[in-house]
């Protein structure tokens, strides 16, 4: 509601663009707000975590949680653009990096054996 309040107070119109700068939660919230505000305004993702860079920023699933359940309110809404600066990963704690890389490893296990094997050989360099 705070996002909507600010957009309305600022008299944003259909020409505005919502920009999500942050991890997956920020992208989900901003994307849902963009999908809902004036029935859809422009939306750009600038993900700053591994998980957001490889998954949530490009999937089009946006939403917010409700006190009665997770992922109950949302929309499928693709961003017009996803801008990724991998230097933002330098600020993340190792646990956050590992969590994101787990998602990338999953992609290798599911679809690409060669990619998975490459990851195994290069994981220390990737984490560095």
N, C-alpha and C. Protein backbone atom coordinates (compact mmCIF):
# COMPACT_ATOMS: atom_id res chain seq x y z
N UNK A 1 0.82 -1.19 0.00
CA UNK A 1 0.00 0.00 0.00
C UNK A 1 0.86 1.26 0.00
N UNK A 2 2.03 1.19 0.65
CA UNK A 2 2.91 2.37 0.67
C UNK A 2 3.38 2.72 -0.74
N UNK A 3 3.65 1.71 -1.56
CA UNK A 3 4.07 1.98 -2.94
C UNK A 3 2.94 2.67 -3.69
N UNK A 4 1.73 2.15 -3.54
CA UNK A 4 0.58 2.75 -4.23
C UNK A 4 0.32 4.16 -3.70
N UNK A 5 0.41 4.33 -2.38
CA UNK A 5 0.20 5.66 -1.80
C UNK A 5 1.17 6.68 -2.41
N UNK A 6 2.43 6.32 -2.47
CA UNK A 6 3.45 7.24 -3.00
C UNK A 6 3.22 7.52 -4.48
N UNK A 7 2.86 6.50 -5.24
CA UNK A 7 2.60 6.69 -6.67
C UNK A 7 1.41 7.64 -6.89
N UNK A 8 0.37 7.45 -6.10
CA UNK A 8 -0.82 8.30 -6.24
C UNK A 8 -0.51 9.73 -5.78
N UNK A 9 0.15 9.86 -4.63
CA UNK A 9 0.52 11.19 -4.12
C UNK A 9 1.41 11.93 -5.12
N UNK A 10 2.26 11.19 -5.82
CA UNK A 10 3.17 11.79 -6.79
C UNK A 10 2.51 12.03 -8.14
N UNK A 11 1.26 11.68 -8.23
CA UNK A 11 0.47 11.85 -9.47
C UNK A 11 1.13 11.19 -10.68
N UNK A 12 1.66 9.98 -10.45
CA UNK A 12 2.24 9.24 -11.57
C UNK A 12 1.13 8.87 -12.55
N UNK A 13 1.51 8.78 -13.83
CA UNK A 13 0.53 8.39 -14.84
C UNK A 13 1.06 7.17 -15.59
N UNK A 14 0.37 6.81 -16.66
CA UNK A 14 0.72 5.61 -17.41
C UNK A 14 2.11 5.67 -18.06
N UNK A 15 2.70 6.84 -18.13
CA UNK A 15 4.04 6.97 -18.73
C UNK A 15 5.14 6.67 -17.72
N UNK A 16 4.81 6.45 -16.47
CA UNK A 16 5.83 6.24 -15.44
C UNK A 16 6.44 4.85 -15.57
N UNK A 17 7.57 4.68 -14.93
CA UNK A 17 8.25 3.39 -14.88
C UNK A 17 8.60 3.09 -13.43
N UNK A 18 8.22 1.92 -12.97
CA UNK A 18 8.60 1.46 -11.64
C UNK A 18 9.94 0.73 -11.80
N UNK A 19 10.88 0.99 -10.90
CA UNK A 19 12.20 0.37 -10.96
C UNK A 19 12.44 -0.39 -9.67
N UNK A 20 12.73 -1.68 -9.81
CA UNK A 20 13.03 -2.53 -8.66
C UNK A 20 14.54 -2.67 -8.53
N UNK A 21 15.12 -2.09 -7.49
CA UNK A 21 16.55 -2.19 -7.21
C UNK A 21 16.70 -2.99 -5.93
N UNK A 22 17.08 -4.25 -6.06
CA UNK A 22 17.23 -5.09 -4.88
C UNK A 22 17.08 -6.56 -5.22
N UNK A 23 16.82 -7.32 -4.19
CA UNK A 23 16.68 -8.77 -4.34
C UNK A 23 15.29 -9.17 -4.78
N UNK A 24 15.01 -10.45 -4.62
CA UNK A 24 13.76 -11.03 -5.11
C UNK A 24 12.51 -10.44 -4.50
N UNK A 25 12.52 -10.17 -3.20
CA UNK A 25 11.33 -9.62 -2.54
C UNK A 25 11.01 -8.25 -3.11
N UNK A 26 12.04 -7.43 -3.29
CA UNK A 26 11.84 -6.10 -3.86
C UNK A 26 11.30 -6.21 -5.29
N UNK A 27 11.87 -7.10 -6.08
CA UNK A 27 11.41 -7.29 -7.45
C UNK A 27 9.97 -7.77 -7.52
N UNK A 28 9.62 -8.71 -6.64
CA UNK A 28 8.24 -9.21 -6.60
C UNK A 28 7.26 -8.11 -6.23
N UNK A 29 7.61 -7.35 -5.20
CA UNK A 29 6.72 -6.28 -4.73
C UNK A 29 6.57 -5.19 -5.78
N UNK A 30 7.69 -4.76 -6.33
CA UNK A 30 7.66 -3.69 -7.33
C UNK A 30 6.95 -4.15 -8.60
N UNK A 31 7.21 -5.36 -9.02
CA UNK A 31 6.56 -5.90 -10.21
C UNK A 31 5.06 -6.01 -10.04
N UNK A 32 4.62 -6.45 -8.86
CA UNK A 32 3.18 -6.53 -8.61
C UNK A 32 2.57 -5.12 -8.60
N UNK A 33 3.26 -4.18 -7.98
CA UNK A 33 2.76 -2.80 -7.96
C UNK A 33 2.67 -2.25 -9.39
N UNK A 34 3.69 -2.53 -10.22
CA UNK A 34 3.67 -2.06 -11.61
C UNK A 34 2.54 -2.71 -12.40
N UNK A 35 2.31 -3.99 -12.15
CA UNK A 35 1.23 -4.70 -12.85
C UNK A 35 -0.14 -4.16 -12.45
N UNK A 36 -0.26 -3.72 -11.22
CA UNK A 36 -1.56 -3.32 -10.67
C UNK A 36 -1.85 -1.83 -10.82
N UNK A 37 -0.83 -0.99 -10.74
CA UNK A 37 -1.04 0.45 -10.77
C UNK A 37 -1.53 0.86 -12.16
N UNK A 38 -2.65 1.52 -12.21
CA UNK A 38 -3.26 1.95 -13.47
C UNK A 38 -3.39 0.79 -14.46
N UNK A 39 -3.55 -0.40 -13.91
CA UNK A 39 -3.69 -1.65 -14.69
C UNK A 39 -2.45 -1.97 -15.53
N UNK A 40 -1.31 -1.48 -15.08
CA UNK A 40 -0.05 -1.85 -15.71
C UNK A 40 0.75 -0.68 -16.23
N UNK A 41 1.91 -0.47 -15.60
CA UNK A 41 2.85 0.55 -16.05
C UNK A 41 4.20 -0.12 -16.32
N UNK A 42 5.11 0.61 -16.94
CA UNK A 42 6.43 0.07 -17.23
C UNK A 42 7.14 -0.36 -15.96
N UNK A 43 8.03 -1.34 -16.12
CA UNK A 43 8.68 -1.96 -14.98
C UNK A 43 10.07 -2.41 -15.40
N UNK A 44 11.08 -2.01 -14.63
CA UNK A 44 12.47 -2.42 -14.87
C UNK A 44 13.00 -3.10 -13.62
N UNK A 45 13.70 -4.21 -13.83
CA UNK A 45 14.33 -4.93 -12.72
C UNK A 45 15.83 -4.65 -12.71
N UNK A 46 16.37 -4.33 -11.54
CA UNK A 46 17.82 -4.24 -11.35
C UNK A 46 18.14 -5.14 -10.14
N UNK A 47 18.28 -6.45 -10.39
CA UNK A 47 18.47 -7.39 -9.28
C UNK A 47 19.88 -7.33 -8.70
N UNK A 48 19.97 -7.45 -7.38
CA UNK A 48 21.26 -7.30 -6.71
C UNK A 48 21.70 -8.55 -5.95
N UNK A 49 20.98 -9.66 -6.11
CA UNK A 49 21.38 -10.93 -5.51
C UNK A 49 21.49 -11.97 -6.61
N UNK A 50 22.24 -13.04 -6.35
CA UNK A 50 22.37 -14.11 -7.34
C UNK A 50 20.99 -14.67 -7.67
N UNK A 51 20.21 -14.98 -6.64
CA UNK A 51 18.89 -15.57 -6.86
C UNK A 51 18.03 -14.66 -7.74
N UNK A 52 18.03 -13.38 -7.46
CA UNK A 52 17.23 -12.45 -8.27
C UNK A 52 17.79 -12.34 -9.68
N UNK A 53 19.10 -12.40 -9.83
CA UNK A 53 19.70 -12.25 -11.16
C UNK A 53 19.44 -13.45 -12.05
N UNK A 54 19.36 -14.64 -11.47
CA UNK A 54 19.20 -15.84 -12.30
C UNK A 54 17.79 -16.39 -12.31
N UNK A 55 16.92 -15.89 -11.45
CA UNK A 55 15.60 -16.51 -11.35
C UNK A 55 14.47 -15.49 -11.29
N UNK A 56 14.32 -14.83 -10.17
CA UNK A 56 13.11 -14.03 -9.96
C UNK A 56 12.97 -12.82 -10.87
N UNK A 57 14.07 -12.26 -11.34
CA UNK A 57 13.96 -11.07 -12.19
C UNK A 57 13.52 -11.39 -13.61
N UNK A 58 13.65 -12.63 -14.02
CA UNK A 58 13.34 -12.99 -15.40
C UNK A 58 12.14 -13.92 -15.54
N UNK A 59 11.55 -14.34 -14.46
CA UNK A 59 10.44 -15.29 -14.54
C UNK A 59 9.08 -14.68 -14.78
N UNK A 60 8.94 -13.40 -14.47
CA UNK A 60 7.65 -12.75 -14.67
C UNK A 60 6.65 -12.96 -13.55
N UNK A 61 6.99 -13.77 -12.56
CA UNK A 61 6.08 -13.97 -11.44
C UNK A 61 6.31 -12.85 -10.43
N UNK A 62 5.28 -12.10 -10.14
CA UNK A 62 5.38 -11.01 -9.17
C UNK A 62 4.30 -11.21 -8.12
N UNK A 63 4.51 -10.69 -6.94
CA UNK A 63 3.47 -10.83 -5.94
C UNK A 63 3.91 -10.40 -4.57
N UNK A 64 2.96 -10.46 -3.67
CA UNK A 64 3.18 -10.12 -2.28
C UNK A 64 2.54 -11.20 -1.41
N UNK A 65 3.01 -11.29 -0.20
CA UNK A 65 2.43 -12.23 0.74
C UNK A 65 1.25 -11.58 1.46
N UNK A 66 0.42 -12.41 2.04
CA UNK A 66 -0.74 -11.97 2.83
C UNK A 66 -0.60 -12.61 4.21
N UNK A 67 -1.11 -11.98 5.25
CA UNK A 67 -1.00 -12.59 6.57
C UNK A 67 -1.56 -14.01 6.64
N UNK A 68 -2.47 -14.36 5.74
CA UNK A 68 -3.07 -15.70 5.75
C UNK A 68 -2.35 -16.69 4.84
N UNK A 69 -1.31 -16.23 4.12
CA UNK A 69 -0.57 -17.17 3.28
C UNK A 69 0.41 -16.49 2.35
N UNK A 70 1.40 -17.28 1.95
CA UNK A 70 2.47 -16.79 1.07
C UNK A 70 2.05 -16.92 -0.40
N UNK A 71 2.45 -15.95 -1.20
CA UNK A 71 2.22 -15.97 -2.65
C UNK A 71 0.75 -16.09 -3.05
N UNK A 72 -0.14 -15.53 -2.26
CA UNK A 72 -1.56 -15.59 -2.58
C UNK A 72 -2.02 -14.44 -3.47
N UNK A 73 -1.24 -13.38 -3.53
CA UNK A 73 -1.62 -12.19 -4.29
C UNK A 73 -0.50 -11.89 -5.28
N UNK A 74 -0.82 -11.84 -6.58
CA UNK A 74 0.23 -11.57 -7.54
C UNK A 74 -0.27 -11.55 -8.97
N UNK A 75 0.68 -11.43 -9.87
CA UNK A 75 0.38 -11.38 -11.30
C UNK A 75 1.61 -11.85 -12.06
N UNK A 76 1.40 -12.31 -13.27
CA UNK A 76 2.50 -12.56 -14.17
C UNK A 76 2.72 -11.27 -14.96
N UNK A 77 3.90 -10.68 -14.80
CA UNK A 77 4.16 -9.37 -15.40
C UNK A 77 5.65 -9.27 -15.70
N UNK A 78 5.99 -9.32 -16.96
CA UNK A 78 7.40 -9.27 -17.35
C UNK A 78 7.94 -7.85 -17.30
N UNK A 79 9.16 -7.68 -16.82
CA UNK A 79 9.80 -6.36 -16.89
C UNK A 79 10.14 -6.01 -18.33
N UNK A 80 10.17 -4.72 -18.63
CA UNK A 80 10.58 -4.28 -19.96
C UNK A 80 12.08 -4.50 -20.14
N UNK A 81 12.79 -4.54 -19.02
CA UNK A 81 14.24 -4.61 -19.07
C UNK A 81 14.75 -5.18 -17.75
N UNK A 82 15.81 -5.97 -17.83
CA UNK A 82 16.51 -6.44 -16.64
C UNK A 82 17.96 -6.00 -16.78
N UNK A 83 18.42 -5.17 -15.85
CA UNK A 83 19.80 -4.69 -15.85
C UNK A 83 20.55 -5.39 -14.73
N UNK A 84 21.64 -6.07 -15.08
CA UNK A 84 22.40 -6.81 -14.07
C UNK A 84 23.82 -6.27 -14.01
N UNK A 85 24.22 -5.90 -12.82
CA UNK A 85 25.60 -5.49 -12.55
C UNK A 85 26.14 -6.50 -11.55
N UNK A 86 26.97 -7.42 -12.01
CA UNK A 86 27.46 -8.47 -11.12
C UNK A 86 28.34 -7.93 -9.99
N UNK A 87 28.80 -6.69 -10.10
CA UNK A 87 29.58 -6.10 -9.01
C UNK A 87 28.74 -5.96 -7.73
N UNK A 88 27.41 -5.91 -7.87
CA UNK A 88 26.57 -5.83 -6.67
C UNK A 88 26.71 -7.08 -5.81
N UNK A 89 27.13 -8.19 -6.41
CA UNK A 89 27.29 -9.43 -5.66
C UNK A 89 28.45 -9.35 -4.67
N UNK A 90 29.38 -8.43 -4.89
CA UNK A 90 30.53 -8.26 -3.99
C UNK A 90 30.10 -7.87 -2.58
N UNK A 91 28.91 -7.32 -2.45
CA UNK A 91 28.45 -6.85 -1.14
C UNK A 91 27.71 -7.93 -0.36
N UNK A 92 27.47 -9.08 -0.97
CA UNK A 92 26.65 -10.11 -0.34
C UNK A 92 27.45 -11.00 0.60
N UNK A 93 26.83 -11.42 1.70
CA UNK A 93 27.48 -12.40 2.56
C UNK A 93 27.56 -13.76 1.84
N UNK A 94 28.52 -14.58 2.25
CA UNK A 94 28.74 -15.87 1.60
C UNK A 94 27.48 -16.74 1.61
N UNK A 95 26.73 -16.70 2.67
CA UNK A 95 25.51 -17.52 2.75
C UNK A 95 24.50 -17.13 1.66
N UNK A 96 24.38 -15.83 1.40
CA UNK A 96 23.48 -15.35 0.35
C UNK A 96 23.96 -15.79 -1.03
N UNK A 97 25.27 -15.72 -1.25
CA UNK A 97 25.84 -16.20 -2.52
C UNK A 97 25.56 -17.69 -2.70
N UNK A 98 25.82 -18.47 -1.66
CA UNK A 98 25.61 -19.92 -1.73
C UNK A 98 24.16 -20.25 -2.03
N UNK A 99 23.25 -19.53 -1.43
CA UNK A 99 21.83 -19.76 -1.66
C UNK A 99 21.48 -19.53 -3.13
N UNK A 100 21.99 -18.47 -3.70
CA UNK A 100 21.73 -18.18 -5.10
C UNK A 100 22.38 -19.19 -6.03
N UNK A 101 23.61 -19.59 -5.70
CA UNK A 101 24.29 -20.57 -6.53
C UNK A 101 23.59 -21.92 -6.47
N UNK A 102 22.94 -22.23 -5.37
CA UNK A 102 22.17 -23.47 -5.28
C UNK A 102 21.11 -23.52 -6.39
N UNK A 103 20.50 -22.39 -6.67
CA UNK A 103 19.51 -22.32 -7.74
C UNK A 103 20.17 -22.56 -9.10
N UNK A 104 21.34 -22.00 -9.31
CA UNK A 104 22.05 -22.18 -10.58
C UNK A 104 22.46 -23.65 -10.73
N UNK A 105 22.93 -24.25 -9.65
CA UNK A 105 23.31 -25.66 -9.68
C UNK A 105 22.11 -26.52 -10.04
N UNK A 106 20.96 -26.16 -9.51
CA UNK A 106 19.72 -26.89 -9.82
C UNK A 106 19.45 -26.88 -11.32
N UNK A 107 19.67 -25.75 -11.97
CA UNK A 107 19.46 -25.68 -13.41
C UNK A 107 20.37 -26.68 -14.13
N UNK A 108 21.62 -26.76 -13.68
CA UNK A 108 22.54 -27.72 -14.28
C UNK A 108 22.10 -29.15 -14.07
N UNK A 109 21.65 -29.46 -12.86
CA UNK A 109 21.19 -30.82 -12.58
C UNK A 109 19.97 -31.19 -13.40
N UNK A 110 19.07 -30.25 -13.58
CA UNK A 110 17.81 -30.54 -14.28
C UNK A 110 18.01 -30.63 -15.79
N UNK A 111 18.82 -29.74 -16.37
CA UNK A 111 18.82 -29.60 -17.82
C UNK A 111 20.15 -29.75 -18.54
N UNK A 112 21.26 -29.64 -17.83
CA UNK A 112 22.51 -29.53 -18.58
C UNK A 112 23.66 -30.14 -17.78
N UNK A 113 23.94 -31.40 -18.05
CA UNK A 113 25.00 -32.12 -17.33
C UNK A 113 26.35 -31.45 -17.51
N UNK A 114 26.63 -31.02 -18.72
CA UNK A 114 27.91 -30.38 -19.01
C UNK A 114 28.07 -29.09 -18.18
N UNK A 115 27.00 -28.31 -18.09
CA UNK A 115 27.02 -27.08 -17.29
C UNK A 115 27.23 -27.42 -15.82
N UNK A 116 26.56 -28.46 -15.33
CA UNK A 116 26.72 -28.87 -13.94
C UNK A 116 28.17 -29.27 -13.66
N UNK A 117 28.76 -30.04 -14.55
CA UNK A 117 30.14 -30.46 -14.36
C UNK A 117 31.10 -29.26 -14.38
N UNK A 118 30.82 -28.28 -15.25
CA UNK A 118 31.62 -27.07 -15.29
C UNK A 118 31.52 -26.33 -13.95
N UNK A 119 30.32 -26.28 -13.40
CA UNK A 119 30.12 -25.62 -12.11
C UNK A 119 30.94 -26.30 -11.02
N UNK A 120 30.91 -27.62 -11.00
CA UNK A 120 31.67 -28.37 -9.99
C UNK A 120 33.15 -28.01 -10.05
N UNK A 121 33.68 -27.91 -11.25
CA UNK A 121 35.11 -27.61 -11.42
C UNK A 121 35.45 -26.16 -11.07
N UNK A 122 34.49 -25.28 -11.19
CA UNK A 122 34.76 -23.83 -11.05
C UNK A 122 34.07 -23.18 -9.87
N UNK A 123 33.52 -23.94 -8.95
CA UNK A 123 32.73 -23.36 -7.86
C UNK A 123 33.55 -22.41 -6.98
N UNK A 124 34.78 -22.75 -6.69
CA UNK A 124 35.58 -21.84 -5.85
C UNK A 124 35.78 -20.50 -6.53
N UNK A 125 36.04 -20.52 -7.82
CA UNK A 125 36.21 -19.28 -8.56
C UNK A 125 34.90 -18.51 -8.63
N UNK A 126 33.81 -19.22 -8.81
CA UNK A 126 32.49 -18.55 -8.85
C UNK A 126 32.18 -17.86 -7.52
N UNK A 127 32.46 -18.55 -6.43
CA UNK A 127 32.17 -17.98 -5.11
C UNK A 127 33.11 -16.79 -4.82
N UNK A 128 34.29 -16.82 -5.40
CA UNK A 128 35.24 -15.71 -5.19
C UNK A 128 34.79 -14.49 -5.99
